Amino acid sequence: MKNRPNRQKEISGVVTVNAKECGGDPEKMVRRFIKKVKKEGIIDEFRDRRYYKKPTVAKAEEKRNRKRLIEKINKKREELFTTTKTRAKRRK
């Protein structure tokens, strides 16, 4: 058996919102709580763990996401190095 590093993200599990942060406004508190939960990645983690994923499916998904990210970065990089005339043509 190979020794594999633990690839899972560390999640603290405790998200708190104080009344002082939001000036006592309950709606602001709820919005801030939702933002913090999204930032921590708790909702995404819950959705991922909801059903079992075979390791091969998880690897394929990671590979697909990595490829998508690389394509996105390359596209942005390409736009940076193109001339302004070329950019204007693309927008039309």
PDB file of N, CA and C in Angstrom:
ATOM      1  N   MET A   1       0.845  -1.182   0.000  1.00  0.00           N
ATOM      2  CA  MET A   1       0.000   0.000   0.000  1.00  0.00           C
ATOM      3  C   MET A   1       0.889   1.243   0.000  1.00  0.00           C
ATOM      4  N   LYS A   2       0.563   2.186  -0.839  1.00  0.00           N
ATOM      5  CA  LYS A   2       1.347   3.411  -0.940  1.00  0.00           C
ATOM      6  C   LYS A   2       0.940   4.398   0.152  1.00  0.00           C
ATOM      7  N   ASN A   3       1.928   5.137   0.606  1.00  0.00           N
ATOM      8  CA  ASN A   3       1.628   6.222   1.545  1.00  0.00           C
ATOM      9  C   ASN A   3       1.185   7.422   0.743  1.00  0.00           C
ATOM     10  N   ARG A   4      -0.032   7.832   0.945  1.00  0.00           N
ATOM     11  CA  ARG A   4      -0.576   8.972   0.216  1.00  0.00           C
ATOM     12  C   ARG A   4      -0.781  10.141   1.177  1.00  0.00           C
ATOM     13  N   PRO A   5      -0.414  11.321   0.740  1.00  0.00           N
ATOM     14  CA  PRO A   5      -0.639  12.478   1.613  1.00  0.00           C
ATOM     15  C   PRO A   5      -2.132  12.768   1.737  1.00  0.00           C
ATOM     16  N   ASN A   6      -2.497  13.328   2.867  1.00  0.00           N
ATOM     17  CA  ASN A   6      -3.890  13.683   3.097  1.00  0.00           C
ATOM     18  C   ASN A   6      -4.218  14.931   2.273  1.00  0.00           C
ATOM     19  N   ARG A   7      -5.075  14.782   1.277  1.00  0.00           N
ATOM     20  CA  ARG A   7      -5.390  15.868   0.349  1.00  0.00           C
ATOM     21  C   ARG A   7      -6.609  16.662   0.761  1.00  0.00           C
ATOM     22  N   GLN A   8      -7.280  16.226   1.822  1.00  0.00           N
ATOM     23  CA  GLN A   8      -8.501  16.913   2.205  1.00  0.00           C
ATOM     24  C   GLN A   8      -8.184  18.249   2.861  1.00  0.00           C
ATOM     25  N   LYS A   9      -9.064  19.203   2.605  1.00  0.00           N
ATOM     26  CA  LYS A   9      -8.912  20.534   3.159  1.00  0.00           C
ATOM     27  C   LYS A   9      -9.332  20.516   4.626  1.00  0.00           C
ATOM     28  N   GLU A  10      -8.614  21.247   5.440  1.00  0.00           N
ATOM     29  CA  GLU A  10      -8.933  21.333   6.862  1.00  0.00           C
ATOM     30  C   GLU A  10     -10.124  22.262   7.049  1.00  0.00           C
ATOM     31  N   ILE A  11     -11.157  21.773   7.730  1.00  0.00           N
ATOM     32  CA  ILE A  11     -12.351  22.580   7.992  1.00  0.00           C
ATOM     33  C   ILE A  11     -12.506  22.706   9.502  1.00  0.00           C
ATOM     34  N   SER A  12     -12.624  23.933   9.968  1.00  0.00           N
ATOM     35  CA  SER A  12     -12.707  24.159  11.410  1.00  0.00           C
ATOM     36  C   SER A  12     -14.057  23.702  11.959  1.00  0.00           C
ATOM     37  N   GLY A  13     -15.134  23.917  11.204  1.00  0.00           N
ATOM     38  CA  GLY A  13     -16.449  23.470  11.634  1.00  0.00           C
ATOM     39  C   GLY A  13     -17.172  24.455  12.528  1.00  0.00           C
ATOM     40  N   VAL A  14     -16.492  25.509  12.969  1.00  0.00           N
ATOM     41  CA  VAL A  14     -17.118  26.496  13.839  1.00  0.00           C
ATOM     42  C   VAL A  14     -17.135  27.834  13.118  1.00  0.00           C
ATOM     43  N   VAL A  15     -18.339  28.304  12.821  1.00  0.00           N
ATOM     44  CA  VAL A  15     -18.505  29.604  12.184  1.00  0.00           C
ATOM     45  C   VAL A  15     -19.412  30.425  13.084  1.00  0.00           C
ATOM     46  N   THR A  16     -18.897  31.571  13.517  1.00  0.00           N
ATOM     47  CA  THR A  16     -19.686  32.405  14.419  1.00  0.00           C
ATOM     48  C   THR A  16     -19.827  33.806  13.848  1.00  0.00           C
ATOM     49  N   VAL A  17     -20.947  34.430  14.199  1.00  0.00           N
ATOM     50  CA  VAL A  17     -21.199  35.816  13.815  1.00  0.00           C
ATOM     51  C   VAL A  17     -21.684  36.532  15.065  1.00  0.00           C
ATOM     52  N   ASN A  18     -21.010  37.620  15.402  1.00  0.00           N
ATOM     53  CA  ASN A  18     -21.386  38.396  16.589  1.00  0.00           C
ATOM     54  C   ASN A  18     -22.356  39.511  16.204  1.00  0.00           C
ATOM     55  N   ALA A  19     -23.161  39.916  17.172  1.00  0.00           N
ATOM     56  CA  ALA A  19     -24.085  41.024  16.946  1.00  0.00           C
ATOM     57  C   ALA A  19     -23.317  42.331  16.759  1.00  0.00           C
ATOM     58  N   LYS A  20     -22.126  42.416  17.388  1.00  0.00           N
ATOM     59  CA  LYS A  20     -21.311  43.621  17.268  1.00  0.00           C
ATOM     60  C   LYS A  20     -20.829  43.818  15.834  1.00  0.00           C
ATOM     61  N   GLU A  21     -20.519  42.710  15.133  1.00  0.00           N
ATOM     62  CA  GLU A  21     -20.036  42.784  13.754  1.00  0.00           C
ATOM     63  C   GLU A  21     -21.065  43.447  12.841  1.00  0.00           C
ATOM     64  N   CYS A  22     -22.332  43.165  13.099  1.00  0.00           N
ATOM     65  CA  CYS A  22     -23.396  43.589  12.193  1.00  0.00           C
ATOM     66  C   CYS A  22     -24.274  44.684  12.788  1.00  0.00           C
ATOM     67  N   GLY A  23     -23.893  45.217  13.887  1.00  0.00           N
ATOM     68  CA  GLY A  23     -24.685  46.282  14.496  1.00  0.00           C
ATOM     69  C   GLY A  23     -26.018  45.788  15.040  1.00  0.00           C
ATOM     70  N   GLY A  24     -26.123  44.511  15.324  1.00  0.00           N
ATOM     71  CA  GLY A  24     -27.348  43.955  15.885  1.00  0.00           C
ATOM     72  C   GLY A  24     -28.445  43.680  14.872  1.00  0.00           C
ATOM     73  N   ASP A  25     -28.193  43.896  13.600  1.00  0.00           N
ATOM     74  CA  ASP A  25     -29.193  43.661  12.556  1.00  0.00           C
ATOM     75  C   ASP A  25     -29.215  42.172  12.203  1.00  0.00           C
ATOM     76  N   PRO A  26     -30.323  41.474  12.459  1.00  0.00           N
ATOM     77  CA  PRO A  26     -30.375  40.029  12.207  1.00  0.00           C
ATOM     78  C   PRO A  26     -30.212  39.660  10.733  1.00  0.00           C
ATOM     79  N   GLU A  27     -30.705  40.485   9.822  1.00  0.00           N
ATOM     80  CA  GLU A  27     -30.567  40.173   8.397  1.00  0.00           C
ATOM     81  C   GLU A  27     -29.104  40.224   7.972  1.00  0.00           C
ATOM     82  N   LYS A  28     -28.378  41.229   8.478  1.00  0.00           N
ATOM     83  CA  LYS A  28     -26.949  41.330   8.188  1.00  0.00           C
ATOM     84  C   LYS A  28     -26.200  40.134   8.770  1.00  0.00           C
ATOM     85  N   MET A  29     -26.634  39.701   9.952  1.00  0.00           N
ATOM     86  CA  MET A  29     -25.982  38.560  10.598  1.00  0.00           C
ATOM     87  C   MET A  29     -26.148  37.296   9.747  1.00  0.00           C
ATOM     88  N   VAL A  30     -27.335  37.092   9.226  1.00  0.00           N
ATOM     89  CA  VAL A  30     -27.585  35.919   8.387  1.00  0.00           C
ATOM     90  C   VAL A  30     -26.742  35.984   7.123  1.00  0.00           C
ATOM     91  N   ARG A  31     -26.697  37.161   6.480  1.00  0.00           N
ATOM     92  CA  ARG A  31     -25.895  37.323   5.254  1.00  0.00           C
ATOM     93  C   ARG A  31     -24.419  37.076   5.526  1.00  0.00           C
ATOM     94  N   ARG A  32     -23.926  37.618   6.627  1.00  0.00           N
ATOM     95  CA  ARG A  32     -22.517  37.448   6.972  1.00  0.00           C
ATOM     96  C   ARG A  32     -22.208  35.975   7.280  1.00  0.00           C
ATOM     97  N   PHE A  33     -23.159  35.306   7.971  1.00  0.00           N
ATOM     98  CA  PHE A  33     -22.974  33.889   8.273  1.00  0.00           C
ATOM     99  C   PHE A  33     -22.883  33.072   6.981  1.00  0.00           C
ATOM    100  N   ILE A  34     -23.768  33.340   6.037  1.00  0.00           N
ATOM    101  CA  ILE A  34     -23.768  32.624   4.763  1.00  0.00           C
ATOM    102  C   ILE A  34     -22.454  32.853   4.028  1.00  0.00           C
ATOM    103  N   LYS A  35     -21.956  34.102   4.025  1.00  0.00           N
ATOM    104  CA  LYS A  35     -20.680  34.407   3.380  1.00  0.00           C
ATOM    105  C   LYS A  35     -19.538  33.622   4.013  1.00  0.00           C
ATOM    106  N   LYS A  36     -19.521  33.580   5.346  1.00  0.00           N
ATOM    107  CA  LYS A  36     -18.454  32.869   6.050  1.00  0.00           C
ATOM    108  C   LYS A  36     -18.498  31.370   5.761  1.00  0.00           C
ATOM    109  N   VAL A  37     -19.701  30.814   5.734  1.00  0.00           N
ATOM    110  CA  VAL A  37     -19.849  29.380   5.453  1.00  0.00           C
ATOM    111  C   VAL A  37     -19.376  29.068   4.041  1.00  0.00           C
ATOM    112  N   LYS A  38     -19.714  29.916   3.071  1.00  0.00           N
ATOM    113  CA  LYS A  38     -19.259  29.702   1.698  1.00  0.00           C
ATOM    114  C   LYS A  38     -17.748  29.818   1.600  1.00  0.00           C
ATOM    115  N   LYS A  39     -17.186  30.801   2.295  1.00  0.00           N
ATOM    116  CA  LYS A  39     -15.740  31.007   2.262  1.00  0.00           C
ATOM    117  C   LYS A  39     -14.997  29.811   2.864  1.00  0.00           C
ATOM    118  N   GLU A  40     -15.532  29.254   3.936  1.00  0.00           N
ATOM    119  CA  GLU A  40     -14.930  28.077   4.569  1.00  0.00           C
ATOM    120  C   GLU A  40     -15.058  26.836   3.685  1.00  0.00           C
ATOM    121  N   GLY A  41     -16.043  26.828   2.795  1.00  0.00           N
ATOM    122  CA  GLY A  41     -16.238  25.689   1.913  1.00  0.00           C
ATOM    123  C   GLY A  41     -17.063  24.577   2.540  1.00  0.00           C
ATOM    124  N   ILE A  42     -17.814  24.903   3.570  1.00  0.00           N
ATOM    125  CA  ILE A  42     -18.601  23.888   4.281  1.00  0.00           C
ATOM    126  C   ILE A  42     -19.713  23.351   3.399  1.00  0.00           C
ATOM    127  N   ILE A  43     -20.394  24.213   2.673  1.00  0.00           N
ATOM    128  CA  ILE A  43     -21.506  23.775   1.820  1.00  0.00           C
ATOM    129  C   ILE A  43     -20.988  22.878   0.693  1.00  0.00           C
ATOM    130  N   ASP A  44     -19.886  23.294   0.062  1.00  0.00           N
ATOM    131  CA  ASP A  44     -19.310  22.476  -1.014  1.00  0.00           C
ATOM    132  C   ASP A  44     -18.866  21.113  -0.492  1.00  0.00           C
ATOM    133  N   GLU A  45     -18.254  21.115   0.678  1.00  0.00           N
ATOM    134  CA  GLU A  45     -17.798  19.857   1.282  1.00  0.00           C
ATOM    135  C   GLU A  45     -18.987  18.948   1.573  1.00  0.00           C
ATOM    136  N   PHE A  46     -20.072  19.519   2.073  1.00  0.00           N
ATOM    137  CA  PHE A  46     -21.266  18.740   2.368  1.00  0.00           C
ATOM    138  C   PHE A  46     -21.830  18.119   1.094  1.00  0.00           C
ATOM    139  N   ARG A  47     -21.890  18.921   0.025  1.00  0.00           N
ATOM    140  CA  ARG A  47     -22.426  18.417  -1.239  1.00  0.00           C
ATOM    141  C   ARG A  47     -21.543  17.314  -1.809  1.00  0.00           C
ATOM    142  N   ASP A  48     -20.227  17.471  -1.658  1.00  0.00           N
ATOM    143  CA  ASP A  48     -19.322  16.432  -2.159  1.00  0.00           C
ATOM    144  C   ASP A  48     -19.458  15.138  -1.370  1.00  0.00           C
ATOM    145  N   ARG A  49     -19.664  15.234  -0.096  1.00  0.00           N
ATOM    146  CA  ARG A  49     -19.731  14.031   0.752  1.00  0.00           C
ATOM    147  C   ARG A  49     -21.134  13.436   0.854  1.00  0.00           C
ATOM    148  N   ARG A  50     -22.081  14.056   0.220  1.00  0.00           N
ATOM    149  CA  ARG A  50     -23.460  13.591   0.321  1.00  0.00           C
ATOM    150  C   ARG A  50     -23.609  12.161  -0.194  1.00  0.00           C
ATOM    151  N   TYR A  51     -22.939  11.881  -1.300  1.00  0.00           N
ATOM    152  CA  TYR A  51     -22.965  10.534  -1.873  1.00  0.00           C
ATOM    153  C   TYR A  51     -21.536  10.061  -2.060  1.00  0.00           C
ATOM    154  N   TYR A  52     -21.353   8.753  -2.022  1.00  0.00           N
ATOM    155  CA  TYR A  52     -20.020   8.182  -2.197  1.00  0.00           C
ATOM    156  C   TYR A  52     -19.583   8.339  -3.647  1.00  0.00           C
ATOM    157  N   LYS A  53     -18.328   8.744  -3.813  1.00  0.00           N
ATOM    158  CA  LYS A  53     -17.733   8.828  -5.143  1.00  0.00           C
ATOM    159  C   LYS A  53     -16.598   7.838  -5.199  1.00  0.00           C
ATOM    160  N   LYS A  54     -16.600   7.053  -6.253  1.00  0.00           N
ATOM    161  CA  LYS A  54     -15.489   6.125  -6.428  1.00  0.00           C
ATOM    162  C   LYS A  54     -14.212   6.939  -6.641  1.00  0.00           C
ATOM    163  N   PRO A  55     -13.084   6.419  -6.192  1.00  0.00           N
ATOM    164  CA  PRO A  55     -11.828   7.153  -6.366  1.00  0.00           C
ATOM    165  C   PRO A  55     -11.524   7.495  -7.822  1.00  0.00           C
ATOM    166  N   THR A  56     -11.869   6.610  -8.750  1.00  0.00           N
ATOM    167  CA  THR A  56     -11.603   6.897 -10.160  1.00  0.00           C
ATOM    168  C   THR A  56     -12.451   8.065 -10.653  1.00  0.00           C
ATOM    169  N   VAL A  57     -13.690   8.145 -10.176  1.00  0.00           N
ATOM    170  CA  VAL A  57     -14.573   9.243 -10.561  1.00  0.00           C
ATOM    171  C   VAL A  57     -14.055  10.557  -9.969  1.00  0.00           C
ATOM    172  N   ALA A  58     -13.597  10.505  -8.715  1.00  0.00           N
ATOM    173  CA  ALA A  58     -13.064  11.701  -8.070  1.00  0.00           C
ATOM    174  C   ALA A  58     -11.816  12.198  -8.803  1.00  0.00           C
ATOM    175  N   LYS A  59     -10.942  11.280  -9.195  1.00  0.00           N
ATOM    176  CA  LYS A  59      -9.724  11.657  -9.933  1.00  0.00           C
ATOM    177  C   LYS A  59     -10.075  12.275 -11.277  1.00  0.00           C
ATOM    178  N   ALA A  60     -11.043  11.684 -11.973  1.00  0.00           N
ATOM    179  CA  ALA A  60     -11.447  12.208 -13.274  1.00  0.00           C
ATOM    180  C   ALA A  60     -12.029  13.607 -13.127  1.00  0.00           C
ATOM    181  N   GLU A  61     -12.800  13.814 -12.070  1.00  0.00           N
ATOM    182  CA  GLU A  61     -13.397  15.124 -11.822  1.00  0.00           C
ATOM    183  C   GLU A  61     -12.310  16.163 -11.519  1.00  0.00           C
ATOM    184  N   GLU A  62     -11.331  15.788 -10.701  1.00  0.00           N
ATOM    185  CA  GLU A  62     -10.218  16.692 -10.394  1.00  0.00           C
ATOM    186  C   GLU A  62      -9.449  17.045 -11.666  1.00  0.00           C
ATOM    187  N   LYS A  63      -9.212  16.043 -12.496  1.00  0.00           N
ATOM    188  CA  LYS A  63      -8.474  16.261 -13.739  1.00  0.00           C
ATOM    189  C   LYS A  63      -9.246  17.221 -14.655  1.00  0.00           C
ATOM    190  N   ARG A  64     -10.552  17.025 -14.749  1.00  0.00           N
ATOM    191  CA  ARG A  64     -11.403  17.885 -15.574  1.00  0.00           C
ATOM    192  C   ARG A  64     -11.387  19.320 -15.053  1.00  0.00           C
ATOM    193  N   ASN A  65     -11.483  19.475 -13.730  1.00  0.00           N
ATOM    194  CA  ASN A  65     -11.461  20.813 -13.128  1.00  0.00           C
ATOM    195  C   ASN A  65     -10.115  21.490 -13.345  1.00  0.00           C
ATOM    196  N   ARG A  66      -9.034  20.718 -13.216  1.00  0.00           N
ATOM    197  CA  ARG A  66      -7.702  21.262 -13.434  1.00  0.00           C
ATOM    198  C   ARG A  66      -7.541  21.747 -14.870  1.00  0.00           C
ATOM    199  N   LYS A  67      -8.029  20.931 -15.817  1.00  0.00           N
ATOM    200  CA  LYS A  67      -7.932  21.278 -17.232  1.00  0.00           C
ATOM    201  C   LYS A  67      -8.733  22.554 -17.524  1.00  0.00           C
ATOM    202  N   ARG A  68      -9.923  22.648 -16.937  1.00  0.00           N
ATOM    203  CA  ARG A  68     -10.771  23.819 -17.122  1.00  0.00           C
ATOM    204  C   ARG A  68     -10.090  25.080 -16.576  1.00  0.00           C
ATOM    205  N   LEU A  69      -9.453  24.943 -15.420  1.00  0.00           N
ATOM    206  CA  LEU A  69      -8.757  26.072 -14.814  1.00  0.00           C
ATOM    207  C   LEU A  69      -7.572  26.519 -15.668  1.00  0.00           C
ATOM    208  N   ILE A  70      -6.819  25.564 -16.188  1.00  0.00           N
ATOM    209  CA  ILE A  70      -5.675  25.888 -17.045  1.00  0.00           C
ATOM    210  C   ILE A  70      -6.138  26.605 -18.301  1.00  0.00           C
ATOM    211  N   GLU A  71      -7.222  26.130 -18.908  1.00  0.00           N
ATOM    212  CA  GLU A  71      -7.761  26.778 -20.106  1.00  0.00           C
ATOM    213  C   GLU A  71      -8.207  28.209 -19.793  1.00  0.00           C
ATOM    214  N   LYS A  72      -8.818  28.399 -18.648  1.00  0.00           N
ATOM    215  CA  LYS A  72      -9.281  29.729 -18.244  1.00  0.00           C
ATOM    216  C   LYS A  72      -8.098  30.675 -18.064  1.00  0.00           C
ATOM    217  N   ILE A  73      -7.051  30.202 -17.397  1.00  0.00           N
ATOM    218  CA  ILE A  73      -5.858  31.027 -17.174  1.00  0.00           C
ATOM    219  C   ILE A  73      -5.183  31.353 -18.492  1.00  0.00           C
ATOM    220  N   ASN A  74      -5.064  30.365 -19.378  1.00  0.00           N
ATOM    221  CA  ASN A  74      -4.443  30.597 -20.686  1.00  0.00           C
ATOM    222  C   ASN A  74      -5.231  31.606 -21.513  1.00  0.00           C
ATOM    223  N   LYS A  75      -6.556  31.542 -21.416  1.00  0.00           N
ATOM    224  CA  LYS A  75      -7.400  32.483 -22.148  1.00  0.00           C
ATOM    225  C   LYS A  75      -7.173  33.908 -21.654  1.00  0.00           C
ATOM    226  N   LYS A  76      -7.105  34.081 -20.323  1.00  0.00           N
ATOM    227  CA  LYS A  76      -6.849  35.404 -19.757  1.00  0.00           C
ATOM    228  C   LYS A  76      -5.464  35.906 -20.149  1.00  0.00           C
ATOM    229  N   ARG A  77      -4.498  34.998 -20.109  1.00  0.00           N
ATOM    230  CA  ARG A  77      -3.129  35.366 -20.470  1.00  0.00           C
ATOM    231  C   ARG A  77      -3.063  35.787 -21.938  1.00  0.00           C
ATOM    232  N   GLU A  78      -3.787  35.074 -22.777  1.00  0.00           N
ATOM    233  CA  GLU A  78      -3.820  35.393 -24.207  1.00  0.00           C
ATOM    234  C   GLU A  78      -4.427  36.779 -24.433  1.00  0.00           C
ATOM    235  N   GLU A  79      -5.492  37.082 -23.704  1.00  0.00           N
ATOM    236  CA  GLU A  79      -6.135  38.392 -23.829  1.00  0.00           C
ATOM    237  C   GLU A  79      -5.210  39.519 -23.380  1.00  0.00           C
ATOM    238  N   LEU A  80      -4.381  39.254 -22.384  1.00  0.00           N
ATOM    239  CA  LEU A  80      -3.446  40.277 -21.913  1.00  0.00           C
ATOM    240  C   LEU A  80      -2.408  40.637 -22.973  1.00  0.00           C
ATOM    241  N   PHE A  81      -1.958  39.629 -23.710  1.00  0.00           N
ATOM    242  CA  PHE A  81      -0.886  39.849 -24.665  1.00  0.00           C
ATOM    243  C   PHE A  81      -1.359  40.203 -26.068  1.00  0.00           C
ATOM    244  N   THR A  82      -2.661  40.244 -26.278  1.00  0.00           N
ATOM    245  CA  THR A  82      -3.158  40.647 -27.589  1.00  0.00           C
ATOM    246  C   THR A  82      -3.252  42.166 -27.644  1.00  0.00           C
ATOM    247  N   THR A  83      -3.253  42.690 -28.837  1.00  0.00           N
ATOM    248  CA  THR A  83      -3.337  44.145 -28.995  1.00  0.00           C
ATOM    249  C   THR A  83      -4.756  44.617 -28.740  1.00  0.00           C
ATOM    250  N   THR A  84      -4.923  45.898 -28.547  1.00  0.00           N
ATOM    251  CA  THR A  84      -6.253  46.450 -28.274  1.00  0.00           C
ATOM    252  C   THR A  84      -7.154  46.350 -29.499  1.00  0.00           C
ATOM    253  N   LYS A  85      -6.586  46.391 -30.696  1.00  0.00           N
ATOM    254  CA  LYS A  85      -7.396  46.253 -31.899  1.00  0.00           C
ATOM    255  C   LYS A  85      -8.012  44.881 -31.987  1.00  0.00           C
ATOM    256  N   THR A  86      -7.241  43.877 -31.629  1.00  0.00           N
ATOM    257  CA  THR A  86      -7.746  42.513 -31.661  1.00  0.00           C
ATOM    258  C   THR A  86      -8.866  42.336 -30.630  1.00  0.00           C
ATOM    259  N   ARG A  87      -8.704  42.945 -29.472  1.00  0.00           N
ATOM    260  CA  ARG A  87      -9.737  42.858 -28.444  1.00  0.00           C
ATOM    261  C   ARG A  87     -11.044  43.472 -28.906  1.00  0.00           C
ATOM    262  N   ALA A  88     -10.965  44.599 -29.597  1.00  0.00           N
ATOM    263  CA  ALA A  88     -12.155  45.285 -30.082  1.00  0.00           C
ATOM    264  C   ALA A  88     -12.884  44.406 -31.100  1.00  0.00           C
ATOM    265  N   LYS A  89     -12.138  43.707 -31.944  1.00  0.00           N
ATOM    266  CA  LYS A  89     -12.765  42.826 -32.941  1.00  0.00           C
ATOM    267  C   LYS A  89     -13.507  41.679 -32.272  1.00  0.00           C
ATOM    268  N   ARG A  90     -12.938  41.129 -31.181  1.00  0.00           N
ATOM    269  CA  ARG A  90     -13.558  39.997 -30.492  1.00  0.00           C
ATOM    270  C   ARG A  90     -14.870  40.391 -29.829  1.00  0.00           C
ATOM    271  N   ARG A  91     -14.939  41.576 -29.342  1.00  0.00           N
ATOM    272  CA  ARG A  91     -16.124  42.028 -28.624  1.00  0.00           C
ATOM    273  C   ARG A  91     -17.322  42.236 -29.538  1.00  0.00           C
ATOM    274  N   LYS A  92     -17.075  42.508 -30.810  1.00  0.00           N
ATOM    275  CA  LYS A  92     -18.170  42.756 -31.750  1.00  0.00           C
ATOM    276  C   LYS A  92     -18.880  41.518 -32.147  1.00  0.00           C
TER     277      LYS A  92
END
